[in-house]
Protein backbone atom coordinates (compact mmCIF):
# COMPACT_ATOMS: atom_id res chain seq x y z
CA UNK A 1 -23.88 -31.03 35.84
CA UNK A 2 -25.00 -30.20 32.32
CA UNK A 3 -24.04 -27.02 30.60
CA UNK A 4 -26.07 -24.06 31.60
CA UNK A 5 -26.89 -21.64 28.82
CA UNK A 6 -26.44 -17.81 29.33
CA UNK A 7 -28.64 -14.87 28.53
CA UNK A 8 -27.46 -12.15 26.23
CA UNK A 9 -28.06 -8.67 27.77
CA UNK A 10 -26.48 -5.54 26.52
CA UNK A 11 -24.08 -7.30 24.14
CA UNK A 12 -22.71 -9.74 26.86
CA UNK A 13 -23.54 -13.27 27.65
CA UNK A 14 -24.27 -13.42 31.34
CA UNK A 15 -25.10 -16.16 33.78
CA UNK A 16 -28.69 -16.04 35.08
CA UNK A 17 -29.33 -15.75 38.76
CA UNK A 18 -32.50 -17.77 38.44
CA UNK A 19 -33.27 -20.81 40.56
CA UNK A 20 -35.43 -22.29 37.79
CA UNK A 21 -33.51 -24.23 35.07
CA UNK A 22 -35.11 -26.10 32.17
CA UNK A 23 -33.55 -29.27 30.98
CA UNK A 24 -32.91 -29.50 27.21
CA UNK A 25 -32.87 -33.12 26.00
CA UNK A 26 -31.86 -35.08 22.98
CA UNK A 27 -35.29 -36.52 21.81
CA UNK A 28 -33.56 -39.62 20.40
CA UNK A 29 -31.85 -40.56 23.63
CA UNK A 30 -33.33 -38.39 26.50
CA UNK A 31 -29.73 -37.29 27.28
CA UNK A 32 -29.81 -33.80 28.91
CA UNK A 33 -27.82 -31.54 26.56
CA UNK A 34 -27.85 -28.36 28.62
CA UNK A 35 -30.18 -26.35 30.94
CA UNK A 36 -31.78 -23.11 29.94
CA UNK A 37 -32.60 -20.43 32.55
CA UNK A 38 -36.03 -19.06 33.24
CA UNK A 39 -34.94 -15.42 33.22
CA UNK A 40 -35.68 -13.51 36.40
CA UNK A 41 -38.10 -10.45 36.29
CA UNK A 42 -35.02 -8.24 36.86
CA UNK A 43 -33.18 -9.93 34.03
CA UNK A 44 -36.14 -9.42 31.72
CA UNK A 45 -36.31 -5.82 32.64
CA UNK A 46 -32.46 -5.33 32.05
CA UNK A 47 -32.87 -6.89 28.56
CA UNK A 48 -35.79 -4.69 27.61
CA UNK A 49 -34.19 -1.55 28.97
CA UNK A 50 -30.88 -2.32 27.11
CA UNK A 51 -32.73 -2.66 23.97
CA UNK A 52 -34.66 0.53 24.46
CA UNK A 53 -31.41 2.41 25.16
CA UNK A 54 -29.66 0.89 22.14
CA UNK A 55 -32.66 1.95 19.85
CA UNK A 56 -31.81 5.66 20.31
CA UNK A 57 -28.45 5.17 18.61
CA UNK A 58 -29.19 2.26 16.40
CA UNK A 59 -32.06 4.03 14.56
CA UNK A 60 -29.58 6.75 13.44
CA UNK A 61 -27.18 4.35 11.94
CA UNK A 62 -27.25 4.72 8.07
CA UNK A 63 -29.37 2.09 6.34
CA UNK A 64 -26.33 1.09 4.27
CA UNK A 65 -24.38 0.24 7.50
CA UNK A 66 -27.28 -1.74 8.72
CA UNK A 67 -27.30 -3.64 5.39
CA UNK A 68 -23.56 -4.41 5.67
CA UNK A 69 -24.13 -5.89 9.06
CA UNK A 70 -26.53 -8.25 7.47
CA UNK A 71 -24.18 -9.09 4.65
CA UNK A 72 -21.46 -10.00 7.21
CA UNK A 73 -24.00 -12.03 9.19
CA UNK A 74 -25.30 -14.05 6.25
CA UNK A 75 -21.64 -14.93 5.32
CA UNK A 76 -21.02 -16.12 8.79
CA UNK A 77 -24.21 -18.24 8.89
CA UNK A 78 -23.13 -19.90 5.51
CA UNK A 79 -19.68 -20.53 6.90
CA UNK A 80 -21.17 -22.24 9.97
CA UNK A 81 -24.18 -23.85 8.35
CA UNK A 82 -23.15 -27.48 9.10
CA UNK A 83 -22.11 -26.68 12.56
CA UNK A 84 -25.44 -24.98 13.33
CA UNK A 85 -27.19 -27.96 11.69
CA UNK A 86 -25.46 -30.47 13.96
CA UNK A 87 -26.55 -28.52 17.05
CA UNK A 88 -30.03 -28.28 15.73
CA UNK A 89 -30.15 -32.00 14.90
CA UNK A 90 -29.03 -33.04 18.33
CA UNK A 91 -31.72 -30.93 20.23
CA UNK A 92 -34.56 -31.46 17.84
CA UNK A 93 -33.83 -34.86 16.46
CA UNK A 94 -34.07 -33.59 12.83
CA UNK A 95 -31.90 -35.48 10.23
CA UNK A 96 -28.79 -33.71 9.32
CA UNK A 97 -30.07 -32.75 5.77
CA UNK A 98 -33.27 -31.50 7.17
CA UNK A 99 -31.46 -29.48 9.72
CA UNK A 100 -29.34 -27.91 7.08
CA UNK A 101 -32.39 -26.90 5.23
CA UNK A 102 -33.82 -25.41 8.37
CA UNK A 103 -30.62 -23.26 8.55
CA UNK A 104 -30.49 -22.41 4.87
CA UNK A 105 -34.10 -21.13 4.77
CA UNK A 106 -33.08 -18.68 7.60
CA UNK A 107 -29.93 -17.59 5.76
CA UNK A 108 -32.21 -16.63 2.75
CA UNK A 109 -34.03 -14.25 5.04
CA UNK A 110 -30.81 -12.78 6.39
CA UNK A 111 -29.92 -12.21 2.67
CA UNK A 112 -33.14 -10.44 2.17
CA UNK A 113 -32.44 -8.20 5.13
CA UNK A 114 -29.30 -7.11 3.38
CA UNK A 115 -31.62 -5.53 0.80
CA UNK A 116 -33.18 -3.39 3.52
CA UNK A 117 -32.61 0.01 1.76
CA UNK A 118 -34.87 -0.82 -1.24
CA UNK A 119 -37.45 -2.33 1.08
CA UNK A 120 -37.76 0.78 3.17
CA UNK A 121 -38.02 3.22 0.24
CA UNK A 122 -40.87 5.76 0.62
CA UNK A 123 -43.04 7.48 -1.85
CA UNK A 124 -43.05 10.99 -3.40
CA UNK A 125 -45.40 13.12 -5.31
CA UNK A 126 -44.41 16.63 -6.51
CA UNK A 127 -46.93 19.36 -6.77
CA UNK A 128 -49.82 17.80 -4.85
CA UNK A 129 -50.95 21.39 -4.68
CA UNK A 130 -49.26 24.58 -6.14
CA UNK A 131 -45.61 24.47 -5.01
CA UNK A 132 -46.37 21.87 -2.39
CA UNK A 133 -44.67 18.44 -2.40
CA UNK A 134 -45.53 15.22 -0.36
CA UNK A 135 -43.24 12.37 0.46
CA UNK A 136 -43.16 9.57 2.92
CA UNK A 137 -40.53 8.10 5.16
CA UNK A 138 -40.36 4.56 6.59
CA UNK A 139 -39.08 4.61 10.18
CA UNK A 140 -38.54 1.92 12.82
CA UNK A 141 -40.87 1.25 15.69
CA UNK A 142 -38.51 0.75 18.66
CA UNK A 143 -38.13 -2.40 20.70
CA UNK A 144 -39.65 -5.51 19.10
CA UNK A 145 -39.88 -9.04 20.48
CA UNK A 146 -39.94 -12.58 18.94
CA UNK A 147 -41.34 -15.75 20.51
CA UNK A 148 -40.35 -18.84 18.51
CA UNK A 149 -41.16 -22.45 18.34
CA UNK A 150 -39.29 -25.75 18.77
CA UNK A 151 -39.77 -27.08 15.21
CA UNK A 152 -37.62 -24.59 13.37
CA UNK A 153 -35.04 -23.22 15.78
CA UNK A 154 -32.87 -21.61 13.13
CA UNK A 155 -35.30 -20.53 10.46
CA UNK A 156 -37.92 -18.91 12.42
CA UNK A 157 -35.78 -16.69 14.69
CA UNK A 158 -34.03 -15.69 11.39
CA UNK A 159 -37.48 -14.78 10.03
CA UNK A 160 -37.79 -12.19 12.70
CA UNK A 161 -34.68 -10.34 14.17
CA UNK A 162 -32.62 -9.68 11.04
CA UNK A 163 -35.46 -7.76 9.20
CA UNK A 164 -36.49 -6.03 12.39
CA UNK A 165 -33.01 -4.89 13.22
CA UNK A 166 -32.10 -4.08 9.63
CA UNK A 167 -35.13 -1.75 9.67
CA UNK A 168 -33.70 0.10 12.53
CA UNK A 169 -35.35 -1.47 15.50
CA UNK A 170 -33.80 -3.39 18.45
CA UNK A 171 -35.01 -6.88 19.32
CA UNK A 172 -35.62 -9.20 22.21
CA UNK A 173 -35.67 -12.94 21.22
CA UNK A 174 -37.36 -15.50 23.38
CA UNK A 175 -36.82 -18.86 21.67
CA UNK A 176 -38.49 -22.25 22.54
CA UNK A 177 -37.21 -23.75 25.86
CA UNK A 178 -37.20 -27.07 24.24
CA UNK A 179 -34.27 -26.44 21.78
CA UNK A 180 -32.50 -23.08 22.80
CA UNK A 181 -28.91 -24.05 21.85
CA UNK A 182 -29.46 -23.32 18.19
CA UNK A 183 -30.73 -19.81 18.77
CA UNK A 184 -27.76 -19.15 21.23
CA UNK A 185 -25.33 -19.93 18.49
CA UNK A 186 -27.24 -17.72 16.03
CA UNK A 187 -26.92 -14.90 18.44
CA UNK A 188 -23.19 -15.57 18.92
CA UNK A 189 -22.48 -15.24 15.23
CA UNK A 190 -24.65 -12.10 15.06
CA UNK A 191 -22.36 -10.49 17.62
CA UNK A 192 -19.25 -11.73 15.71
CA UNK A 193 -20.70 -9.96 12.63
CA UNK A 194 -20.36 -6.77 14.46
CA UNK A 195 -23.81 -6.07 15.98
CA UNK A 196 -23.57 -3.25 18.51
CA UNK A 197 -24.34 -3.91 22.18
CA UNK A 198 -28.04 -3.93 23.02
CA UNK A 199 -29.34 -4.18 19.45
CA UNK A 200 -30.20 -7.83 20.07
CA UNK A 201 -31.17 -9.39 23.46
CA UNK A 202 -31.59 -13.17 24.08
CA UNK A 203 -33.77 -14.42 27.10
CA UNK A 204 -35.03 -17.83 28.00
CA UNK A 205 -37.91 -19.23 29.79
CA UNK A 206 -41.55 -19.98 29.47
CA UNK A 207 -44.93 -18.41 29.90
CA UNK A 208 -43.90 -15.97 32.62
CA UNK A 209 -41.12 -14.52 30.43
CA UNK A 210 -43.48 -14.45 27.42
CA UNK A 211 -46.17 -12.53 29.25
CA UNK A 212 -43.57 -9.95 30.39
CA UNK A 213 -42.80 -9.22 26.73
CA UNK A 214 -46.54 -9.08 25.90
CA UNK A 215 -47.36 -6.61 28.58
CA UNK A 216 -44.14 -4.43 28.97
CA UNK A 217 -44.84 -0.93 27.78
CA UNK A 218 -41.44 -0.61 26.05
CA UNK A 219 -42.13 -3.49 23.60
CA UNK A 220 -43.85 -2.09 20.49
CA UNK A 221 -44.42 -5.24 18.37
CA UNK A 222 -44.46 -8.91 19.00
CA UNK A 223 -43.89 -11.78 16.44
CA UNK A 224 -44.99 -15.36 17.34
CA UNK A 225 -45.00 -18.77 15.81
CA UNK A 226 -46.53 -21.73 17.72
CA UNK A 227 -49.72 -23.54 18.62
CA UNK A 228 -53.24 -22.19 18.31
CA UNK A 229 -53.98 -21.74 22.13
CA UNK A 230 -50.63 -19.94 22.63
CA UNK A 231 -51.05 -17.99 19.48
CA UNK A 232 -54.47 -16.71 20.55
CA UNK A 233 -53.17 -15.85 24.02
CA UNK A 234 -50.19 -13.94 22.63
CA UNK A 235 -52.37 -12.07 20.11
CA UNK A 236 -54.98 -11.17 22.58
CA UNK A 237 -52.61 -10.13 25.41
CA UNK A 238 -50.24 -8.12 23.03
CA UNK A 239 -53.15 -6.25 21.30
CA UNK A 240 -54.90 -5.65 24.75
CA UNK A 241 -51.67 -3.84 25.66
CA UNK A 242 -51.75 -1.75 22.45
CA UNK A 243 -48.94 -3.56 20.65
CA UNK A 244 -48.64 -4.74 17.05
CA UNK A 245 -48.85 -8.53 16.88
CA UNK A 246 -48.32 -11.18 14.17
CA UNK A 247 -49.13 -14.63 15.30
CA UNK A 248 -48.72 -17.78 13.19
CA UNK A 249 -50.68 -20.68 14.67
CA UNK A 250 -51.96 -24.09 13.70
CA UNK A 251 -52.71 -25.73 10.39
CA UNK A 252 -54.49 -28.66 8.71
CA UNK A 253 -53.06 -28.57 5.13
CA UNK A 254 -54.62 -30.51 2.34
CA UNK A 255 -53.23 -31.90 -0.83
CA UNK A 256 -55.82 -32.39 -3.60
CA UNK A 257 -54.94 -35.10 -6.11
CA UNK A 258 -56.69 -35.04 -9.46
CA UNK A 259 -56.96 -38.29 -11.62
CA UNK A 260 -54.81 -36.74 -14.39
CA UNK A 261 -51.84 -36.08 -11.96
CA UNK A 262 -48.48 -37.83 -12.31
CA UNK A 263 -48.91 -40.82 -9.90
CA UNK A 264 -45.29 -41.12 -9.04
CA UNK A 265 -44.85 -37.45 -8.25
CA UNK A 266 -47.95 -37.53 -6.10
CA UNK A 267 -46.86 -40.52 -4.04
CA UNK A 268 -43.28 -39.20 -3.50
CA UNK A 269 -44.48 -35.83 -2.61
CA UNK A 270 -47.12 -37.20 -0.08
CA UNK A 271 -44.47 -39.28 1.62
CA UNK A 272 -42.06 -36.43 2.08
CA UNK A 273 -44.60 -33.65 2.86
CA UNK A 274 -46.37 -35.71 5.53
CA UNK A 275 -43.60 -37.61 7.28
CA UNK A 276 -40.62 -35.16 6.81
CA UNK A 277 -39.37 -33.59 10.05
CA UNK A 278 -41.60 -36.33 11.76
CA UNK A 279 -44.60 -34.28 10.57
CA UNK A 280 -43.64 -31.48 13.02
CA UNK A 281 -44.16 -28.63 10.35
CA UNK A 282 -46.93 -26.13 10.27
CA UNK A 283 -46.76 -26.64 6.41
CA UNK A 284 -46.87 -30.50 6.63
CA UNK A 285 -49.49 -32.07 4.35
CA UNK A 286 -51.76 -34.01 6.80
CA UNK A 287 -54.79 -34.69 4.54
CA UNK A 288 -54.64 -36.16 1.12
CA UNK A 289 -57.89 -35.53 -0.85
CA UNK A 290 -58.08 -38.06 -3.68
CA UNK A 291 -60.55 -36.95 -6.38
CA UNK A 292 -62.25 -39.63 -8.40
CA UNK A 293 -60.24 -42.45 -9.73
CA UNK A 294 -57.06 -41.25 -8.03
CA UNK A 295 -58.10 -43.13 -4.92
CA UNK A 296 -56.83 -46.27 -6.60
CA UNK A 297 -53.30 -44.97 -5.80
CA UNK A 298 -53.70 -45.50 -2.03
CA UNK A 299 -52.38 -49.00 -2.02
CA UNK A 300 -49.19 -47.89 -3.78
CA UNK A 301 -48.98 -44.94 -1.31
CA UNK A 302 -49.11 -47.46 1.59
CA UNK A 303 -46.20 -49.47 0.17
CA UNK A 304 -43.98 -46.34 -0.11
CA UNK A 305 -45.00 -45.35 3.49
CA UNK A 306 -43.93 -48.85 4.67
CA UNK A 307 -40.51 -48.31 3.14
CA UNK A 308 -39.47 -45.40 5.31
CA UNK A 309 -38.48 -45.21 8.84
CA UNK A 310 -37.37 -42.82 11.53
CA UNK A 311 -33.77 -42.75 12.94
CA UNK A 312 -30.99 -40.82 14.56
CA UNK A 313 -29.94 -37.41 13.06
CA UNK A 314 -26.66 -38.89 11.62
CA UNK A 315 -28.31 -41.99 10.11
CA UNK A 316 -28.28 -41.43 6.31
CA UNK A 317 -31.02 -44.02 5.83
CA UNK A 318 -33.47 -42.35 8.18
CA UNK A 319 -36.36 -40.46 6.58
CA UNK A 320 -37.07 -38.45 9.68
CA UNK A 321 -36.33 -38.13 13.45
CA UNK A 322 -38.25 -38.48 16.70
CA UNK A 323 -40.97 -36.32 18.15
CA UNK A 324 -39.60 -33.42 20.14
CA UNK A 325 -40.71 -34.83 23.56
CA UNK A 326 -42.17 -37.83 25.20
CA UNK A 327 -45.43 -35.64 25.69
CA UNK A 328 -45.50 -34.91 22.06
CA UNK A 329 -45.21 -38.61 21.10
CA UNK A 330 -48.04 -39.52 23.52
CA UNK A 331 -50.33 -36.91 22.00
CA UNK A 332 -49.75 -38.37 18.48
CA UNK A 333 -50.30 -41.94 19.77
CA UNK A 334 -53.55 -40.87 21.44
CA UNK A 335 -54.85 -39.26 18.20
CA UNK A 336 -53.92 -42.48 16.30
CA UNK A 337 -55.98 -44.39 18.81
CA UNK A 338 -58.86 -42.09 18.56
CA UNK A 339 -58.73 -42.42 14.70
CA UNK A 340 -59.22 -46.21 14.99
CA UNK A 341 -61.90 -45.79 17.65
CA UNK A 342 -63.86 -43.36 15.58
CA UNK A 343 -64.04 -45.56 12.53
CA UNK A 344 -61.14 -44.71 10.20
CA UNK A 345 -59.22 -47.47 8.55
CA UNK A 346 -55.56 -47.65 9.82
CA UNK A 347 -53.71 -49.04 6.78
CA UNK A 348 -50.29 -48.67 8.39
CA UNK A 349 -49.82 -48.07 12.13
CA UNK A 350 -46.54 -46.61 13.55
CA UNK A 351 -47.64 -46.67 17.21
CA UNK A 352 -45.26 -49.33 18.26
CA UNK A 353 -42.23 -48.12 16.28
CA UNK A 354 -38.73 -48.79 17.67
CA UNK A 355 -35.27 -47.84 16.48
CA UNK A 356 -32.39 -50.18 16.97
CA UNK A 357 -29.90 -49.03 19.74
CA UNK A 358 -32.18 -46.02 20.65
CA UNK A 359 -34.83 -47.50 22.83
CA UNK A 360 -35.63 -44.26 24.62
CA UNK A 361 -36.29 -42.23 21.64
CA UNK A 362 -39.61 -40.55 20.99
CA UNK A 363 -40.34 -42.61 17.85
CA UNK A 364 -43.58 -42.76 15.91
CA UNK A 365 -43.62 -44.70 12.64
CA UNK A 366 -45.24 -43.56 9.48
CA UNK A 367 -49.00 -43.93 9.79
CA UNK A 368 -51.74 -43.96 7.07
CA UNK A 369 -55.43 -43.67 7.51
CA UNK A 370 -58.19 -43.94 4.89
CA UNK A 371 -61.88 -43.67 5.19
CA UNK A 372 -61.38 -40.38 7.17
CA UNK A 373 -64.31 -38.13 7.64
CA UNK A 374 -64.32 -34.33 8.72
CA UNK A 375 -66.06 -35.30 12.00
CA UNK A 376 -63.02 -37.45 13.23
CA UNK A 377 -60.45 -36.09 15.74
CA UNK A 378 -57.60 -37.00 13.35
CA UNK A 379 -59.20 -34.81 10.63
CA UNK A 380 -60.00 -31.85 12.94
CA UNK A 381 -56.93 -31.59 15.04
CA UNK A 382 -53.33 -30.79 13.97
CA UNK A 383 -51.59 -34.07 14.75
CA UNK A 384 -48.03 -32.74 14.27
CA UNK A 385 -46.67 -36.27 13.61
CA UNK A 386 -45.96 -38.58 10.74
CA UNK A 387 -49.60 -39.30 10.19
CA UNK A 388 -51.47 -38.88 6.84
CA UNK A 389 -55.34 -38.92 6.52
CA UNK A 390 -56.76 -39.94 3.20
CA UNK A 391 -60.23 -38.63 2.03
CA UNK A 392 -62.02 -39.52 -1.14
CA UNK A 393 -64.31 -37.12 -2.96
CA UNK A 394 -66.04 -37.15 -6.42
CA UNK A 395 -64.98 -33.73 -7.89
CA UNK A 396 -62.86 -30.68 -7.70
CA UNK A 397 -65.81 -28.76 -6.39
CA UNK A 398 -66.13 -31.23 -3.57
CA UNK A 399 -62.45 -30.97 -2.74
CA UNK A 400 -62.72 -27.18 -2.61
CA UNK A 401 -65.76 -27.24 -0.36
CA UNK A 402 -63.91 -29.66 1.98
CA UNK A 403 -60.73 -27.46 2.12
CA UNK A 404 -62.63 -24.17 2.52
CA UNK A 405 -64.64 -25.58 5.39
CA UNK A 406 -61.44 -26.05 7.39
CA UNK A 407 -60.92 -23.35 10.15
CA UNK A 408 -57.28 -23.31 9.00
CA UNK A 409 -55.67 -21.75 5.95
CA UNK A 410 -51.98 -22.14 6.15
CA UNK A 411 -51.02 -24.09 2.97
CA UNK A 412 -52.50 -26.35 0.43
CA UNK A 413 -51.50 -27.90 -2.87
CA UNK A 414 -53.15 -29.47 -5.87
CA UNK A 415 -51.48 -32.07 -8.22
CA UNK A 416 -52.96 -31.99 -11.75
CA UNK A 417 -51.99 -31.83 -15.41
CA UNK A 418 -54.91 -29.44 -16.02
CA UNK A 419 -54.25 -25.79 -16.24
CA UNK A 420 -57.90 -25.12 -15.88
CA UNK A 421 -58.24 -27.20 -12.68
CA UNK A 422 -55.24 -25.51 -11.15
CA UNK A 423 -56.50 -22.08 -12.05
CA UNK A 424 -59.85 -22.79 -10.60
CA UNK A 425 -58.26 -24.21 -7.42
CA UNK A 426 -55.87 -21.39 -6.72
CA UNK A 427 -58.47 -18.80 -7.41
CA UNK A 428 -61.29 -20.26 -5.22
CA UNK A 429 -59.37 -21.90 -2.41
CA UNK A 430 -59.43 -20.00 0.90
CA UNK A 431 -55.89 -20.68 1.99
CA UNK A 432 -52.94 -18.32 2.06
CA UNK A 433 -50.25 -20.36 0.42
CA UNK A 434 -51.07 -22.65 -2.60
CA UNK A 435 -48.83 -25.04 -4.51
CA UNK A 436 -49.44 -26.41 -7.95
CA UNK A 437 -47.70 -29.70 -8.33
CA UNK A 438 -45.56 -28.42 -5.41
CA UNK A 439 -46.40 -30.17 -2.05
CA UNK A 440 -45.25 -27.66 0.49
CA UNK A 441 -45.44 -24.12 -1.06
CA UNK A 442 -43.45 -22.11 1.49
CA UNK A 443 -42.44 -18.92 -0.42
CA UNK A 444 -38.91 -17.60 -0.70
CA UNK A 445 -38.31 -14.40 1.49
CA UNK A 446 -38.73 -11.85 -1.29
CA UNK A 447 -42.53 -12.76 -0.90
CA UNK A 448 -44.17 -13.21 2.45
CA UNK A 449 -45.39 -16.19 4.49
CA UNK A 450 -49.17 -15.71 4.26
CA UNK A 451 -51.31 -18.06 6.34
CA UNK A 452 -55.04 -17.31 6.42
CA UNK A 453 -58.02 -17.91 8.79
CA UNK A 454 -57.17 -19.72 12.14
CA UNK A 455 -53.51 -20.22 10.96
CA UNK A 456 -52.79 -16.52 11.44
CA UNK A 457 -53.73 -13.60 13.81
CA UNK A 458 -52.72 -10.24 12.67
CA UNK A 459 -52.46 -8.03 9.62
CA UNK A 460 -48.97 -8.14 8.22
CA UNK A 461 -47.16 -11.50 7.63
CA UNK A 462 -43.71 -12.80 8.15
CA UNK A 463 -40.56 -11.86 6.07
CA UNK A 464 -40.58 -10.09 2.77
CA UNK A 465 -42.16 -6.65 2.32
CA UNK A 466 -45.00 -7.32 4.72
CA UNK A 467 -42.59 -7.91 7.64
CA UNK A 468 -40.81 -4.63 6.87
CA UNK A 469 -44.23 -2.88 6.99
CA UNK A 470 -44.90 -4.70 10.28
CA UNK A 471 -41.67 -3.54 11.86
CA UNK A 472 -41.97 0.13 10.63
CA UNK A 473 -44.13 3.22 10.72
CA UNK A 474 -44.78 5.42 7.74
CA UNK A 475 -44.36 9.24 8.23
CA UNK A 476 -45.82 11.58 5.63
CA UNK A 477 -44.26 15.00 5.08
CA UNK A 478 -45.98 17.79 3.20
CA UNK A 479 -43.66 20.69 2.44
CA UNK A 480 -43.79 24.11 0.83
CA UNK A 481 -40.92 26.42 0.14
CA UNK A 482 -41.48 30.04 -0.87
CA UNK A 483 -39.43 31.46 -3.74
CA UNK A 484 -38.96 34.69 -1.85
CA UNK A 485 -36.52 32.70 0.46
CA UNK A 486 -34.05 31.95 -2.32
CA UNK A 487 -30.88 33.83 -1.60
CA UNK A 488 -29.80 36.49 -4.04
CA UNK A 489 -26.94 35.58 -6.27
CA UNK A 490 -23.69 37.32 -5.78
CA UNK A 491 -20.11 36.75 -4.35
CA UNK A 492 -21.54 35.09 -1.17
CA UNK A 493 -23.74 32.58 -3.02
CA UNK A 494 -21.27 29.94 -2.50
CA UNK A 495 -21.90 30.10 1.22
CA UNK A 496 -25.52 29.05 0.81
CA UNK A 497 -24.55 26.26 -1.50
CA UNK A 498 -22.17 24.40 1.00
């Protein structure tokens, strides 16, 4: 019998009483690593009730003490970074270096949460009218919930609960059922850092447990990262139940290559940005837009693609790992097949990829298409695999029109030596995150992760100042004090000053 993961309810890890257990497998071997419980309705209710009760005391904890909790937590995360990364590698298949990066980007958000006092500062104006002052406070909402995806099981939970809790809320985390071991370890370390009972709850499961969070009257805000259909469901359901929601969904990210760009930088960036993490990134580059004569570089790009291969998490020569599941692999293979059938030229086909000594892994080799048009399935759909589509256009204006016609707006980049071209692109492109000679422009957490259009549903984005606004309310106070109330001076004046 594989290990069964517990739930965290009211500060204690407890064995679930469910009869529904979800196997968690190593995607390189299909070995069952553990089983995650589908929390029962009673367990979900207990977790939410515990978070609600804990909020009454947690919101009164001084902001400096909440910041110190985050300082202790980020120190523990740094101390255990490689341990967490190894757990993450085994349940996701990511290479060890990639897994360490996943953990580190989460640590950076925990560091930002330690700066919560300055992030929650209000505003003050004296004498808005005669002898009347106005100031604003930033106060927490209550119980918040996070629903996180398989592809970043450390980073994305750490996008959410540290900032929400530092702001004075309590939190219920429902991570992906495909790789829940990493979030479990994150939560263990949070308790070790000194988090009071009930401030953070951890539940496992699938749609039933998600829907409980979306409809429960005591949940005030929901954060989500995942696919487009699920993101739309989460956003509609949460807002229909009068909750705040921030939902990060799909993407189709373009890199525009101008003829004056540095060819070696372009090719190296395209290989890493399209195939890294097996293409299972919402910020992966999946479309390369070659402007003018730059399309002559595609043959050299093919050579570099052919030089990389997937492999096990602890293989230092592996460029990336497997797809998360056999179903995910089959979806990628189906899209590759459709690309060929719809008329794209498959310069390099990774459909029949194998890895020595790991015959059962969910392997897809690097795949490169050219002659791709916007009508094709491989262009329209988010493949989420190590597949790059190449499109050729005549001008920067044509590239902008192509990118802006996409229903998604998560990330994009342009490679050029021209400041004018870069300025025009960053100003006119309808995408939330833009890189200039940077392939994957994910901002550091003192900014916010700002996808646009069909890549995001909501108003306030993840981490940074926008996340603090999402997890808080603003209270505005207008006050007037009458000078007639000033105590008279005299021997008892000291009483009034104490």
